[in-house]
Amino acid sequence: ENIEIINRKYHDLKHQIAVVRAERNSDKREQYL
């Protein structure tokens, strides 16, 4: 079950990258990273 959760989280990373690219606030960007 944990492995399935990890795989789902891995796909979420692609969406998180888009958020980081759009974020102008350096503190928030560092938190996302």
Full PDB file with SEQRES, HELIX, SHEET, SSBOND, CRYST1, ORIGX, SCALE, CONECT and MASTER records, all heavy atoms in Angstrom:
SEQRES   1 A   33  GLU ASN ILE GLU ILE ILE ASN ARG LYS TYR HIS ASP LEU          
SEQRES   2 A   33  LYS HIS GLN ILE ALA VAL VAL ARG ALA GLU ARG ASN SER          
SEQRES   3 A   33  ASP LYS ARG GLU GLN TYR LEU                                  
HELIX    1 AA1 ASN A    2  ALA A   22  1                                  21    
HELIX    2 AA2 SER A   26  TYR A   32  1                                   7    
CRYST1    1.000    1.000    1.000  90.00  90.00  90.00 P 1           1          
ORIGX1      1.000000  0.000000  0.000000        0.00000                         
ORIGX2      0.000000  1.000000  0.000000        0.00000                         
ORIGX3      0.000000  0.000000  1.000000        0.00000                         
SCALE1      1.000000  0.000000  0.000000        0.00000                         
SCALE2      0.000000  1.000000  0.000000        0.00000                         
SCALE3      0.000000  0.000000  1.000000        0.00000                         
ATOM      1  N   GLU A   1       0.829  -1.201   0.000  1.00  0.00           N  
ATOM      2  CA  GLU A   1       0.000   0.000   0.000  1.00  0.00           C  
ATOM      3  C   GLU A   1       0.864   1.252   0.000  1.00  0.00           C  
ATOM      4  O   GLU A   1       0.555   2.236  -0.681  1.00  0.00           O  
ATOM      5  CB  GLU A   1      -0.925  -0.008   1.221  1.00  0.00           C  
ATOM      6  CG  GLU A   1      -1.951  -1.140   1.208  1.00  0.00           C  
ATOM      7  CD  GLU A   1      -2.770  -1.190   2.491  1.00  0.00           C  
ATOM      8  OE1 GLU A   1      -2.600  -0.283   3.327  1.00  0.00           O  
ATOM      9  OE2 GLU A   1      -3.552  -2.130   2.648  1.00  0.00           O  
ATOM     10  N   ASN A   2       1.969   1.226   0.756  1.00  0.00           N  
ATOM     11  CA  ASN A   2       2.869   2.375   0.800  1.00  0.00           C  
ATOM     12  C   ASN A   2       3.473   2.661  -0.566  1.00  0.00           C  
ATOM     13  O   ASN A   2       3.643   3.823  -0.964  1.00  0.00           O  
ATOM     14  CB  ASN A   2       3.984   2.137   1.817  1.00  0.00           C  
ATOM     15  CG  ASN A   2       3.495   2.226   3.252  1.00  0.00           C  
ATOM     16  OD1 ASN A   2       2.483   2.857   3.516  1.00  0.00           O  
ATOM     17  ND2 ASN A   2       4.209   1.606   4.164  1.00  0.00           N  
ATOM     18  N   ILE A   3       3.814   1.606  -1.305  1.00  0.00           N  
ATOM     19  CA  ILE A   3       4.404   1.784  -2.627  1.00  0.00           C  
ATOM     20  C   ILE A   3       3.402   2.434  -3.572  1.00  0.00           C  
ATOM     21  O   ILE A   3       3.760   3.299  -4.387  1.00  0.00           O  
ATOM     22  CB  ILE A   3       4.886   0.431  -3.183  1.00  0.00           C  
ATOM     23  CG1 ILE A   3       6.120  -0.046  -2.406  1.00  0.00           C  
ATOM     24  CG2 ILE A   3       5.230   0.542  -4.668  1.00  0.00           C  
ATOM     25  CD1 ILE A   3       6.580  -1.433  -2.774  1.00  0.00           C  
ATOM     26  N   GLU A   4       2.142   2.046  -3.486  1.00  0.00           N  
ATOM     27  CA  GLU A   4       1.112   2.662  -4.322  1.00  0.00           C  
ATOM     28  C   GLU A   4       0.981   4.149  -4.005  1.00  0.00           C  
ATOM     29  O   GLU A   4       0.809   4.978  -4.909  1.00  0.00           O  
ATOM     30  CB  GLU A   4      -0.225   1.948  -4.119  1.00  0.00           C  
ATOM     31  CG  GLU A   4      -0.229   0.519  -4.658  1.00  0.00           C  
ATOM     32  CD  GLU A   4      -1.522  -0.216  -4.319  1.00  0.00           C  
ATOM     33  OE1 GLU A   4      -2.401   0.403  -3.697  1.00  0.00           O  
ATOM     34  OE2 GLU A   4      -1.643  -1.393  -4.686  1.00  0.00           O  
ATOM     35  N   ILE A   5       1.076   4.499  -2.723  1.00  0.00           N  
ATOM     36  CA  ILE A   5       1.017   5.905  -2.321  1.00  0.00           C  
ATOM     37  C   ILE A   5       2.204   6.671  -2.905  1.00  0.00           C  
ATOM     38  O   ILE A   5       2.064   7.794  -3.403  1.00  0.00           O  
ATOM     39  CB  ILE A   5       1.008   6.029  -0.789  1.00  0.00           C  
ATOM     40  CG1 ILE A   5      -0.306   5.452  -0.225  1.00  0.00           C  
ATOM     41  CG2 ILE A   5       1.170   7.486  -0.355  1.00  0.00           C  
ATOM     42  CD1 ILE A   5      -0.330   5.360   1.288  1.00  0.00           C  
ATOM     43  N   ILE A   6       3.380   6.068  -2.859  1.00  0.00           N  
ATOM     44  CA  ILE A   6       4.585   6.708  -3.396  1.00  0.00           C  
ATOM     45  C   ILE A   6       4.429   6.968  -4.889  1.00  0.00           C  
ATOM     46  O   ILE A   6       4.776   8.040  -5.393  1.00  0.00           O  
ATOM     47  CB  ILE A   6       5.826   5.824  -3.147  1.00  0.00           C  
ATOM     48  CG1 ILE A   6       6.130   5.758  -1.652  1.00  0.00           C  
ATOM     49  CG2 ILE A   6       7.045   6.385  -3.880  1.00  0.00           C  
ATOM     50  CD1 ILE A   6       7.209   4.764  -1.305  1.00  0.00           C  
ATOM     51  N   ASN A   7       3.910   5.984  -5.618  1.00  0.00           N  
ATOM     52  CA  ASN A   7       3.737   6.143  -7.059  1.00  0.00           C  
ATOM     53  C   ASN A   7       2.775   7.280  -7.384  1.00  0.00           C  
ATOM     54  O   ASN A   7       2.999   8.040  -8.332  1.00  0.00           O  
ATOM     55  CB  ASN A   7       3.241   4.835  -7.675  1.00  0.00           C  
ATOM     56  CG  ASN A   7       4.329   3.781  -7.737  1.00  0.00           C  
ATOM     57  OD1 ASN A   7       5.505   4.104  -7.838  1.00  0.00           O  
ATOM     58  ND2 ASN A   7       3.945   2.516  -7.682  1.00  0.00           N  
ATOM     59  N   ARG A   8       1.725   7.421  -6.601  1.00  0.00           N  
ATOM     60  CA  ARG A   8       0.790   8.530  -6.821  1.00  0.00           C  
ATOM     61  C   ARG A   8       1.471   9.859  -6.542  1.00  0.00           C  
ATOM     62  O   ARG A   8       1.286  10.845  -7.260  1.00  0.00           O  
ATOM     63  CB  ARG A   8      -0.443   8.365  -5.933  1.00  0.00           C  
ATOM     64  CG  ARG A   8      -1.358   7.219  -6.352  1.00  0.00           C  
ATOM     65  CD  ARG A   8      -2.748   7.382  -5.751  1.00  0.00           C  
ATOM     66  NE  ARG A   8      -2.714   7.346  -4.294  1.00  0.00           N  
ATOM     67  CZ  ARG A   8      -2.850   6.226  -3.580  1.00  0.00           C  
ATOM     68  NH1 ARG A   8      -3.014   5.054  -4.205  1.00  0.00           N  
ATOM     69  NH2 ARG A   8      -2.818   6.264  -2.269  1.00  0.00           N  
ATOM     70  N   LYS A   9       2.287   9.880  -5.482  1.00  0.00           N  
ATOM     71  CA  LYS A   9       2.995  11.102  -5.121  1.00  0.00           C  
ATOM     72  C   LYS A   9       3.983  11.487  -6.208  1.00  0.00           C  
ATOM     73  O   LYS A   9       4.185  12.678  -6.499  1.00  0.00           O  
ATOM     74  CB  LYS A   9       3.730  10.899  -3.793  1.00  0.00           C  
ATOM     75  CG  LYS A   9       4.162  12.188  -3.127  1.00  0.00           C  
ATOM     76  CD  LYS A   9       2.971  13.005  -2.681  1.00  0.00           C  
ATOM     77  CE  LYS A   9       3.394  14.265  -1.960  1.00  0.00           C  
ATOM     78  NZ  LYS A   9       2.248  15.103  -1.563  1.00  0.00           N  
ATOM     79  N   TYR A  10       4.583  10.518  -6.825  1.00  0.00           N  
ATOM     80  CA  TYR A  10       5.548  10.775  -7.899  1.00  0.00           C  
ATOM     81  C   TYR A  10       4.879  11.514  -9.056  1.00  0.00           C  
ATOM     82  O   TYR A  10       5.435  12.463  -9.608  1.00  0.00           O  
ATOM     83  CB  TYR A  10       6.139   9.446  -8.367  1.00  0.00           C  
ATOM     84  CG  TYR A  10       7.023   9.548  -9.577  1.00  0.00           C  
ATOM     85  CD1 TYR A  10       8.302  10.097  -9.489  1.00  0.00           C  
ATOM     86  CD2 TYR A  10       6.586   9.088 -10.816  1.00  0.00           C  
ATOM     87  CE1 TYR A  10       9.122  10.190 -10.602  1.00  0.00           C  
ATOM     88  CE2 TYR A  10       7.395   9.178 -11.933  1.00  0.00           C  
ATOM     89  CZ  TYR A  10       8.661   9.721 -11.817  1.00  0.00           C  
ATOM     90  OH  TYR A  10       9.460   9.806 -12.918  1.00  0.00           O  
ATOM     91  N   HIS A  11       3.675  11.111  -9.420  1.00  0.00           N  
ATOM     92  CA  HIS A  11       2.962  11.785 -10.500  1.00  0.00           C  
ATOM     93  C   HIS A  11       2.548  13.201 -10.094  1.00  0.00           C  
ATOM     94  O   HIS A  11       2.480  14.101 -10.934  1.00  0.00           O  
ATOM     95  CB  HIS A  11       1.732  10.964 -10.904  1.00  0.00           C  
ATOM     96  CG  HIS A  11       2.084   9.675 -11.587  1.00  0.00           C  
ATOM     97  ND1 HIS A  11       2.673   9.629 -12.834  1.00  0.00           N  
ATOM     98  CD2 HIS A  11       1.944   8.379 -11.203  1.00  0.00           C  
ATOM     99  CE1 HIS A  11       2.883   8.367 -13.197  1.00  0.00           C  
ATOM    100  NE2 HIS A  11       2.450   7.596 -12.216  1.00  0.00           N  
ATOM    101  N   ASP A  12       2.304  13.398  -8.797  1.00  0.00           N  
ATOM    102  CA  ASP A  12       1.958  14.739  -8.319  1.00  0.00           C  
ATOM    103  C   ASP A  12       3.120  15.721  -8.474  1.00  0.00           C  
ATOM    104  O   ASP A  12       2.911  16.931  -8.564  1.00  0.00           O  
ATOM    105  CB  ASP A  12       1.539  14.691  -6.844  1.00  0.00           C  
ATOM    106  CG  ASP A  12       0.200  13.987  -6.651  1.00  0.00           C  
ATOM    107  OD1 ASP A  12      -0.536  13.841  -7.650  1.00  0.00           O  
ATOM    108  OD2 ASP A  12      -0.087  13.595  -5.506  1.00  0.00           O  
ATOM    109  N   LEU A  13       4.346  15.189  -8.485  1.00  0.00           N  
ATOM    110  CA  LEU A  13       5.511  16.062  -8.589  1.00  0.00           C  
ATOM    111  C   LEU A  13       5.488  16.893  -9.867  1.00  0.00           C  
ATOM    112  O   LEU A  13       5.955  18.041  -9.886  1.00  0.00           O  
ATOM    113  CB  LEU A  13       6.798  15.222  -8.539  1.00  0.00           C  
ATOM    114  CG  LEU A  13       7.213  14.674  -7.179  1.00  0.00           C  
ATOM    115  CD1 LEU A  13       8.415  13.756  -7.337  1.00  0.00           C  
ATOM    116  CD2 LEU A  13       7.529  15.797  -6.210  1.00  0.00           C  
ATOM    117  N   LYS A  14       4.958  16.328 -10.938  1.00  0.00           N  
ATOM    118  CA  LYS A  14       4.909  17.064 -12.200  1.00  0.00           C  
ATOM    119  C   LYS A  14       4.067  18.325 -12.056  1.00  0.00           C  
ATOM    120  O   LYS A  14       4.414  19.381 -12.601  1.00  0.00           O  
ATOM    121  CB  LYS A  14       4.341  16.159 -13.293  1.00  0.00           C  
ATOM    122  CG  LYS A  14       5.265  15.003 -13.670  1.00  0.00           C  
ATOM    123  CD  LYS A  14       4.713  14.189 -14.820  1.00  0.00           C  
ATOM    124  CE  LYS A  14       3.446  13.471 -14.443  1.00  0.00           C  
ATOM    125  NZ  LYS A  14       2.945  12.591 -15.532  1.00  0.00           N  
ATOM    126  N   HIS A  15       2.972  18.229 -11.321  1.00  0.00           N  
ATOM    127  CA  HIS A  15       2.127  19.395 -11.103  1.00  0.00           C  
ATOM    128  C   HIS A  15       2.798  20.391 -10.159  1.00  0.00           C  
ATOM    129  O   HIS A  15       2.655  21.608 -10.310  1.00  0.00           O  
ATOM    130  CB  HIS A  15       0.774  18.961 -10.537  1.00  0.00           C  
ATOM    131  CG  HIS A  15       0.043  17.986 -11.416  1.00  0.00           C  
ATOM    132  ND1 HIS A  15      -0.474  18.340 -12.635  1.00  0.00           N  
ATOM    133  CD2 HIS A  15      -0.237  16.667 -11.246  1.00  0.00           C  
ATOM    134  CE1 HIS A  15      -1.060  17.284 -13.193  1.00  0.00           C  
ATOM    135  NE2 HIS A  15      -0.913  16.256 -12.370  1.00  0.00           N  
ATOM    136  N   GLN A  16       3.549  19.877  -9.185  1.00  0.00           N  
ATOM    137  CA  GLN A  16       4.248  20.760  -8.257  1.00  0.00           C  
ATOM    138  C   GLN A  16       5.328  21.573  -8.971  1.00  0.00           C  
ATOM    139  O   GLN A  16       5.570  22.741  -8.638  1.00  0.00           O  
ATOM    140  CB  GLN A  16       4.863  19.950  -7.120  1.00  0.00           C  
ATOM    141  CG  GLN A  16       3.837  19.300  -6.201  1.00  0.00           C  
ATOM    142  CD  GLN A  16       4.480  18.435  -5.133  1.00  0.00           C  
ATOM    143  OE1 GLN A  16       5.690  18.434  -4.975  1.00  0.00           O  
ATOM    144  NE2 GLN A  16       3.663  17.697  -4.402  1.00  0.00           N  
ATOM    145  N   ILE A  17       5.984  20.975  -9.953  1.00  0.00           N  
ATOM    146  CA  ILE A  17       7.005  21.693 -10.716  1.00  0.00           C  
ATOM    147  C   ILE A  17       6.396  22.902 -11.424  1.00  0.00           C  
ATOM    148  O   ILE A  17       6.989  23.990 -11.457  1.00  0.00           O  
ATOM    149  CB  ILE A  17       7.667  20.737 -11.738  1.00  0.00           C  
ATOM    150  CG1 ILE A  17       8.526  19.694 -11.001  1.00  0.00           C  
ATOM    151  CG2 ILE A  17       8.518  21.524 -12.732  1.00  0.00           C  
ATOM    152  CD1 ILE A  17       9.066  18.603 -11.900  1.00  0.00           C  
ATOM    153  N   ALA A  18       5.203  22.722 -11.977  1.00  0.00           N  
ATOM    154  CA  ALA A  18       4.529  23.831 -12.655  1.00  0.00           C  
ATOM    155  C   ALA A  18       4.230  24.964 -11.679  1.00  0.00           C  
ATOM    156  O   ALA A  18       4.361  26.153 -12.016  1.00  0.00           O  
ATOM    157  CB  ALA A  18       3.240  23.328 -13.305  1.00  0.00           C  
ATOM    158  N   VAL A  19       3.848  24.609 -10.440  1.00  0.00           N  
ATOM    159  CA  VAL A  19       3.551  25.618  -9.424  1.00  0.00           C  
ATOM    160  C   VAL A  19       4.819  26.393  -9.060  1.00  0.00           C  
ATOM    161  O   VAL A  19       4.801  27.623  -8.916  1.00  0.00           O  
ATOM    162  CB  VAL A  19       2.942  24.958  -8.163  1.00  0.00           C  
ATOM    163  CG1 VAL A  19       2.835  25.972  -7.029  1.00  0.00           C  
ATOM    164  CG2 VAL A  19       1.584  24.371  -8.482  1.00  0.00           C  
ATOM    165  N   VAL A  20       5.937  25.670  -8.905  1.00  0.00           N  
ATOM    166  CA  VAL A  20       7.202  26.320  -8.556  1.00  0.00           C  
ATOM    167  C   VAL A  20       7.626  27.304  -9.638  1.00  0.00           C  
ATOM    168  O   VAL A  20       8.079  28.419  -9.359  1.00  0.00           O  
ATOM    169  CB  VAL A  20       8.308  25.257  -8.332  1.00  0.00           C  
ATOM    170  CG1 VAL A  20       9.665  25.925  -8.174  1.00  0.00           C  
ATOM    171  CG2 VAL A  20       7.993  24.422  -7.105  1.00  0.00           C  
ATOM    172  N   ARG A  21       7.493  26.908 -10.876  1.00  0.00           N  
ATOM    173  CA  ARG A  21       7.880  27.785 -11.982  1.00  0.00           C  
ATOM    174  C   ARG A  21       7.060  29.076 -12.006  1.00  0.00           C  
ATOM    175  O   ARG A  21       7.561  30.137 -12.395  1.00  0.00           O  
ATOM    176  CB  ARG A  21       7.698  27.036 -13.302  1.00  0.00           C  
ATOM    177  CG  ARG A  21       8.801  26.015 -13.592  1.00  0.00           C  
ATOM    178  CD  ARG A  21       8.531  25.244 -14.843  1.00  0.00           C  
ATOM    179  NE  ARG A  21       9.654  24.359 -15.180  1.00  0.00           N  
ATOM    180  CZ  ARG A  21       9.587  23.405 -16.104  1.00  0.00           C  
ATOM    181  NH1 ARG A  21       8.460  23.206 -16.768  1.00  0.00           N  
ATOM    182  NH2 ARG A  21      10.651  22.658 -16.347  1.00  0.00           N  
ATOM    183  N   ALA A  22       5.812  28.986 -11.571  1.00  0.00           N  
ATOM    184  CA  ALA A  22       4.932  30.154 -11.616  1.00  0.00           C  
ATOM    185  C   ALA A  22       5.039  31.033 -10.370  1.00  0.00           C  
ATOM    186  O   ALA A  22       4.565  32.177 -10.373  1.00  0.00           O  
ATOM    187  CB  ALA A  22       3.483  29.694 -11.805  1.00  0.00           C  
ATOM    188  N   GLU A  23       5.656  30.511  -9.307  1.00  0.00           N  
ATOM    189  CA  GLU A  23       5.730  31.243  -8.047  1.00  0.00           C  
ATOM    190  C   GLU A  23       6.821  32.318  -8.093  1.00  0.00           C  
ATOM    191  O   GLU A  23       7.978  32.040  -8.370  1.00  0.00           O  
ATOM    192  CB  GLU A  23       6.023  30.267  -6.891  1.00  0.00           C  
ATOM    193  CG  GLU A  23       6.099  30.929  -5.529  1.00  0.00           C  
ATOM    194  CD  GLU A  23       4.846  31.696  -5.175  1.00  0.00           C  
ATOM    195  OE1 GLU A  23       3.768  31.063  -5.121  1.00  0.00           O  
ATOM    196  OE2 GLU A  23       4.952  32.921  -4.971  1.00  0.00           O  
ATOM    197  N   ARG A  24       6.447  33.576  -7.773  1.00  0.00           N  
ATOM    198  CA  ARG A  24       7.387  34.692  -7.797  1.00  0.00           C  
ATOM    199  C   ARG A  24       8.020  34.940  -6.424  1.00  0.00           C  
ATOM    200  O   ARG A  24       9.113  35.492  -6.329  1.00  0.00           O  
ATOM    201  CB  ARG A  24       6.674  35.955  -8.283  1.00  0.00           C  
ATOM    202  CG  ARG A  24       6.200  35.866  -9.728  1.00  0.00           C  
ATOM    203  CD  ARG A  24       5.503  37.134 -10.154  1.00  0.00           C  
ATOM    204  NE  ARG A  24       5.058  37.055 -11.539  1.00  0.00           N  
ATOM    205  CZ  ARG A  24       5.813  37.352 -12.586  1.00  0.00           C  
ATOM    206  NH1 ARG A  24       7.068  37.756 -12.399  1.00  0.00           N  
ATOM    207  NH2 ARG A  24       5.339  37.248 -13.814  1.00  0.00           N  
ATOM    208  N   ASN A  25       7.332  34.528  -5.362  1.00  0.00           N  
ATOM    209  CA  ASN A  25       7.849  34.733  -4.007  1.00  0.00           C  
ATOM    210  C   ASN A  25       8.960  33.715  -3.731  1.00  0.00           C  
ATOM    211  O   ASN A  25       8.736  32.510  -3.767  1.00  0.00           O  
ATOM    212  CB  ASN A  25       6.715  34.582  -2.988  1.00  0.00           C  
ATOM    213  CG  ASN A  25       7.156  34.911  -1.574  1.00  0.00           C  
ATOM    214  OD1 ASN A  25       8.055  34.271  -1.040  1.00  0.00           O  
ATOM    215  ND2 ASN A  25       6.514  35.904  -0.971  1.00  0.00           N  
ATOM    216  N   SER A  26      10.171  34.226  -3.460  1.00  0.00           N  
ATOM    217  CA  SER A  26      11.326  33.335  -3.289  1.00  0.00           C  
ATOM    218  C   SER A  26      11.188  32.423  -2.079  1.00  0.00           C  
ATOM    219  O   SER A  26      11.619  31.271  -2.104  1.00  0.00           O  
ATOM    220  CB  SER A  26      12.616  34.154  -3.184  1.00  0.00           C  
ATOM    221  OG  SER A  26      12.566  35.025  -2.071  1.00  0.00           O  
ATOM    222  N   ASP A  27      10.589  32.915  -0.980  1.00  0.00           N  
ATOM    223  CA  ASP A  27      10.415  32.095   0.221  1.00  0.00           C  
ATOM    224  C   ASP A  27       9.469  30.930  -0.049  1.00  0.00           C  
ATOM    225  O   ASP A  27       9.730  29.789   0.348  1.00  0.00           O  
ATOM    226  CB  ASP A  27       9.887  32.947   1.375  1.00  0.00           C  
ATOM    227  CG  ASP A  27      10.929  33.936   1.890  1.00  0.00           C  
ATOM    228  OD1 ASP A  27      12.135  33.670   1.694  1.00  0.00           O  
ATOM    229  OD2 ASP A  27      10.540  34.953   2.482  1.00  0.00           O  
ATOM    230  N   LYS A  28       8.365  31.229  -0.705  1.00  0.00           N  
ATOM    231  CA  LYS A  28       7.408  30.172  -1.035  1.00  0.00           C  
ATOM    232  C   LYS A  28       8.021  29.181  -2.022  1.00  0.00           C  
ATOM    233  O   LYS A  28       7.804  27.972  -1.926  1.00  0.00           O  
ATOM    234  CB  LYS A  28       6.131  30.777  -1.616  1.00  0.00           C  
ATOM    235  CG  LYS A  28       5.256  31.485  -0.604  1.00  0.00           C  
ATOM    236  CD  LYS A  28       3.945  31.922  -1.234  1.00  0.00           C  
ATOM    237  CE  LYS A  28       3.032  32.577  -0.179  1.00  0.00           C  
ATOM    238  NZ  LYS A  28       1.742  33.008  -0.779  1.00  0.00           N  
ATOM    239  N   ARG A  29       8.788  29.706  -2.976  1.00  0.00           N  
ATOM    240  CA  ARG A  29       9.424  28.830  -3.955  1.00  0.00           C  
ATOM    241  C   ARG A  29      10.395  27.880  -3.275  1.00  0.00           C  
ATOM    242  O   ARG A  29      10.460  26.690  -3.602  1.00  0.00           O  
ATOM    243  CB  ARG A  29      10.140  29.669  -5.010  1.00  0.00           C  
ATOM    244  CG  ARG A  29      10.675  28.834  -6.177  1.00  0.00           C  
ATOM    245  CD  ARG A  29      11.012  29.683  -7.382  1.00  0.00           C  
ATOM    246  NE  ARG A  29      12.000  30.704  -7.048  1.00  0.00           N  
ATOM    247  CZ  ARG A  29      11.762  32.000  -7.076  1.00  0.00           C  
ATOM    248  NH1 ARG A  29      10.564  32.463  -7.409  1.00  0.00           N  
ATOM    249  NH2 ARG A  29      12.719  32.870  -6.781  1.00  0.00           N  
ATOM    250  N   GLU A  30      11.146  28.373  -2.290  1.00  0.00           N  
ATOM    251  CA  GLU A  30      12.079  27.537  -1.546  1.00  0.00           C  
ATOM    252  C   GLU A  30      11.334  26.476  -0.740  1.00  0.00           C  
ATOM    253  O   GLU A  30      11.775  25.329  -0.636  1.00  0.00           O  
ATOM    254  CB  GLU A  30      12.925  28.399  -0.609  1.00  0.00           C  
ATOM    255  CG  GLU A  30      13.958  27.615   0.199  1.00  0.00           C  
ATOM    256  CD  GLU A  30      14.987  26.928  -0.663  1.00  0.00           C  
ATOM    257  OE1 GLU A  30      15.270  27.440  -1.766  1.00  0.00           O  
ATOM    258  OE2 GLU A  30      15.501  25.869  -0.242  1.00  0.00           O  
ATOM    259  N   GLN A  31      10.185  26.862  -0.175  1.00  0.00           N  
ATOM    260  CA  GLN A  31       9.371  25.910   0.580  1.00  0.00           C  
ATOM    261  C   GLN A  31       8.863  24.795  -0.322  1.00  0.00           C  
ATOM    262  O   GLN A  31       8.912  23.616   0.036  1.00  0.00           O  
ATOM    263  CB  GLN A  31       8.182  26.639   1.217  1.00  0.00           C  
ATOM    264  CG  GLN A  31       7.258  25.715   2.007  1.00  0.00           C  
ATOM    265  CD  GLN A  31       6.042  26.446   2.544  1.00  0.00           C  
ATOM    266  OE1 GLN A  31       5.997  27.677   2.558  1.00  0.00           O  
ATOM    267  NE2 GLN A  31       5.052  25.685   2.979  1.00  0.00           N  
ATOM    268  N   TYR A  32       8.402  25.157  -1.519  1.00  0.00           N  
ATOM    269  CA  TYR A  32       7.925  24.158  -2.477  1.00  0.00           C  
ATOM    270  C   TYR A  32       9.052  23.201  -2.877  1.00  0.00           C  
ATOM    271  O   TYR A  32       8.853  21.986  -2.969  1.00  0.00           O  
ATOM    272  CB  TYR A  32       7.369  24.844  -3.727  1.00  0.00           C  
ATOM    273  CG  TYR A  32       6.091  25.610  -3.512  1.00  0.00           C  
ATOM    274  CD1 TYR A  32       5.810  26.767  -4.245  1.00  0.00           C  
ATOM    275  CD2 TYR A  32       5.140  25.182  -2.584  1.00  0.00           C  
ATOM    276  CE1 TYR A  32       4.630  27.478  -4.058  1.00  0.00           C  
ATOM    277  CE2 TYR A  32       3.966  25.882  -2.384  1.00  0.00           C  
ATOM    278  CZ  TYR A  32       3.716  27.034  -3.122  1.00  0.00           C  
ATOM    279  OH  TYR A  32       2.552  27.730  -2.928  1.00  0.00           O  
ATOM    280  N   LEU A  33      10.240  23.784  -3.098  1.00  0.00           N  
ATOM    281  CA  LEU A  33      11.376  22.955  -3.499  1.00  0.00           C  
ATOM    282  C   LEU A  33      11.768  21.975  -2.397  1.00  0.00           C  
ATOM    283  O   LEU A  33      12.132  20.825  -2.669  1.00  0.00           O  
ATOM    284  CB  LEU A  33      12.570  23.844  -3.861  1.00  0.00           C  
ATOM    285  CG  LEU A  33      12.447  24.629  -5.176  1.00  0.00           C  
ATOM    286  CD1 LEU A  33      13.599  25.617  -5.313  1.00  0.00           C  
ATOM    287  CD2 LEU A  33      12.410  23.671  -6.363  1.00  0.00           C  
TER     288      LEU A  33                                                      
MASTER        0    0    0    2    0    0    0    6  287    1    0    3          
END                                                                             
